[in-house]
Amino acid sequence: MSEDPLSIVKQQLNDAIEEVDDSEVRFKLRTASQYIDVANQQKADPAETAEGAGSDD
């Protein structure tokens, strides 16, 4: 069974966050991890994402 590529990247980011001592690098890695969470959420519910895309008032 193949694992979702986003899940693999998320795990690698989390592993890197644990290993890095530089706070600025950890911040960037956590930010990237949060973008993965957003991508997973959008993938899980594309209809909700499409509804929000048209509301630029």
N, C-alpha and C. Protein backbone atom coordinates (compact mmCIF):
# COMPACT_ATOMS: atom_id res chain seq x y z
N MET A 1 0.84 -1.17 0.00
CA MET A 1 0.00 0.00 0.00
C MET A 1 0.89 1.24 0.00
N SER A 2 0.65 2.17 -0.93
CA SER A 2 1.47 3.37 -1.01
C SER A 2 0.89 4.47 -0.12
N GLU A 3 1.78 5.19 0.49
CA GLU A 3 1.37 6.27 1.39
C GLU A 3 1.21 7.56 0.59
N ASP A 4 0.31 8.41 1.02
CA ASP A 4 0.06 9.70 0.38
C ASP A 4 1.34 10.55 0.41
N PRO A 5 1.74 11.12 -0.73
CA PRO A 5 2.95 11.94 -0.77
C PRO A 5 2.94 13.10 0.22
N LEU A 6 1.79 13.73 0.42
CA LEU A 6 1.72 14.82 1.39
C LEU A 6 1.98 14.33 2.81
N SER A 7 1.53 13.13 3.12
CA SER A 7 1.78 12.56 4.45
C SER A 7 3.26 12.27 4.64
N ILE A 8 3.91 11.82 3.58
CA ILE A 8 5.35 11.55 3.66
C ILE A 8 6.11 12.85 3.91
N VAL A 9 5.77 13.89 3.16
CA VAL A 9 6.43 15.19 3.34
C VAL A 9 6.16 15.73 4.73
N LYS A 10 4.94 15.61 5.21
CA LYS A 10 4.58 16.08 6.55
C LYS A 10 5.44 15.38 7.61
N GLN A 11 5.60 14.07 7.48
CA GLN A 11 6.40 13.33 8.45
C GLN A 11 7.87 13.76 8.39
N GLN A 12 8.38 13.96 7.19
CA GLN A 12 9.77 14.40 7.05
C GLN A 12 9.97 15.79 7.64
N LEU A 13 9.01 16.68 7.44
CA LEU A 13 9.08 18.00 8.04
C LEU A 13 9.08 17.91 9.56
N ASN A 14 8.19 17.10 10.11
CA ASN A 14 8.12 16.95 11.56
C ASN A 14 9.42 16.38 12.12
N ASP A 15 10.01 15.41 11.41
CA ASP A 15 11.29 14.85 11.84
C ASP A 15 12.38 15.93 11.83
N ALA A 16 12.39 16.74 10.77
CA ALA A 16 13.39 17.80 10.66
C ALA A 16 13.21 18.84 11.77
N ILE A 17 11.96 19.17 12.09
CA ILE A 17 11.69 20.14 13.16
C ILE A 17 12.31 19.66 14.47
N GLU A 18 12.20 18.37 14.74
CA GLU A 18 12.75 17.80 15.98
C GLU A 18 14.28 17.84 16.00
N GLU A 19 14.91 17.77 14.83
CA GLU A 19 16.37 17.66 14.76
C GLU A 19 17.08 19.00 14.67
N VAL A 20 16.38 20.06 14.27
CA VAL A 20 17.01 21.35 14.00
C VAL A 20 17.02 22.20 15.27
N ASP A 21 18.15 22.87 15.50
CA ASP A 21 18.29 23.74 16.67
C ASP A 21 17.98 25.20 16.36
N ASP A 22 18.10 25.59 15.10
CA ASP A 22 17.91 26.98 14.69
C ASP A 22 16.42 27.34 14.73
N SER A 23 16.05 28.32 15.55
CA SER A 23 14.63 28.66 15.72
C SER A 23 14.02 29.21 14.44
N GLU A 24 14.78 29.93 13.64
CA GLU A 24 14.25 30.47 12.39
C GLU A 24 13.95 29.34 11.39
N VAL A 25 14.83 28.37 11.34
CA VAL A 25 14.62 27.22 10.45
C VAL A 25 13.43 26.41 10.94
N ARG A 26 13.31 26.20 12.25
CA ARG A 26 12.15 25.47 12.80
C ARG A 26 10.85 26.19 12.46
N PHE A 27 10.86 27.52 12.54
CA PHE A 27 9.67 28.30 12.19
C PHE A 27 9.27 28.05 10.74
N LYS A 28 10.25 28.08 9.85
CA LYS A 28 9.97 27.85 8.43
C LYS A 28 9.47 26.43 8.18
N LEU A 29 10.04 25.47 8.88
CA LEU A 29 9.59 24.08 8.73
C LEU A 29 8.17 23.91 9.27
N ARG A 30 7.86 24.54 10.41
CA ARG A 30 6.49 24.47 10.95
C ARG A 30 5.49 25.12 10.00
N THR A 31 5.90 26.24 9.39
CA THR A 31 5.03 26.91 8.43
C THR A 31 4.76 26.00 7.24
N ALA A 32 5.79 25.36 6.73
CA ALA A 32 5.62 24.42 5.61
C ALA A 32 4.70 23.27 6.02
N SER A 33 4.85 22.80 7.24
CA SER A 33 4.00 21.72 7.76
C SER A 33 2.54 22.16 7.81
N GLN A 34 2.31 23.41 8.18
CA GLN A 34 0.94 23.93 8.22
C GLN A 34 0.35 24.04 6.82
N TYR A 35 1.17 24.38 5.83
CA TYR A 35 0.69 24.40 4.45
C TYR A 35 0.29 23.01 3.98
N ILE A 36 1.02 22.00 4.43
CA ILE A 36 0.65 20.61 4.11
C ILE A 36 -0.71 20.29 4.73
N ASP A 37 -0.94 20.74 5.96
CA ASP A 37 -2.24 20.53 6.61
C ASP A 37 -3.37 21.17 5.80
N VAL A 38 -3.13 22.38 5.31
CA VAL A 38 -4.13 23.08 4.50
C VAL A 38 -4.40 22.31 3.21
N ALA A 39 -3.34 21.84 2.57
CA ALA A 39 -3.50 21.08 1.33
C ALA A 39 -4.29 19.80 1.58
N ASN A 40 -4.00 19.13 2.68
CA ASN A 40 -4.76 17.92 3.02
C ASN A 40 -6.22 18.23 3.29
N GLN A 41 -6.49 19.34 3.96
CA GLN A 41 -7.87 19.74 4.25
C GLN A 41 -8.61 20.06 2.95
N GLN A 42 -7.96 20.76 2.04
CA GLN A 42 -8.58 21.10 0.77
C GLN A 42 -8.82 19.85 -0.07
N LYS A 43 -7.90 18.91 0.00
CA LYS A 43 -8.06 17.66 -0.73
C LYS A 43 -9.22 16.85 -0.17
N ALA A 44 -9.43 16.94 1.14
CA ALA A 44 -10.50 16.18 1.79
C ALA A 44 -11.88 16.75 1.47
N ASP A 45 -11.97 18.06 1.29
CA ASP A 45 -13.26 18.70 1.04
C ASP A 45 -13.15 19.74 -0.07
N PRO A 46 -13.00 19.31 -1.32
CA PRO A 46 -12.83 20.27 -2.42
C PRO A 46 -14.05 21.15 -2.66
N ALA A 47 -15.26 20.69 -2.35
CA ALA A 47 -16.46 21.50 -2.56
C ALA A 47 -16.43 22.74 -1.68
N GLU A 48 -16.02 22.59 -0.43
CA GLU A 48 -15.95 23.72 0.49
C GLU A 48 -14.88 24.71 0.03
N THR A 49 -13.77 24.20 -0.48
CA THR A 49 -12.70 25.06 -0.98
C THR A 49 -13.18 25.86 -2.18
N ALA A 50 -13.93 25.23 -3.08
CA ALA A 50 -14.44 25.91 -4.26
C ALA A 50 -15.44 27.00 -3.89
N GLU A 51 -16.25 26.77 -2.87
CA GLU A 51 -17.21 27.78 -2.43
C GLU A 51 -16.51 29.02 -1.90
N GLY A 52 -15.44 28.84 -1.16
CA GLY A 52 -14.71 29.96 -0.59
C GLY A 52 -13.88 30.72 -1.61
N ALA A 53 -13.57 30.11 -2.74
CA ALA A 53 -12.72 30.74 -3.73
C ALA A 53 -13.40 31.92 -4.42
N GLY A 54 -14.69 31.91 -4.53
CA GLY A 54 -15.39 32.96 -5.25
C GLY A 54 -15.82 34.13 -4.40
N SER A 55 -15.44 34.19 -3.14
CA SER A 55 -15.94 35.24 -2.25
C SER A 55 -14.87 36.29 -1.97
N ASP A 56 -14.43 37.00 -3.02
CA ASP A 56 -13.46 38.08 -2.87
C ASP A 56 -14.16 39.43 -2.86
N ASP A 57 -14.85 39.72 -1.79
CA ASP A 57 -15.58 40.99 -1.69
C ASP A 57 -14.72 42.07 -1.10
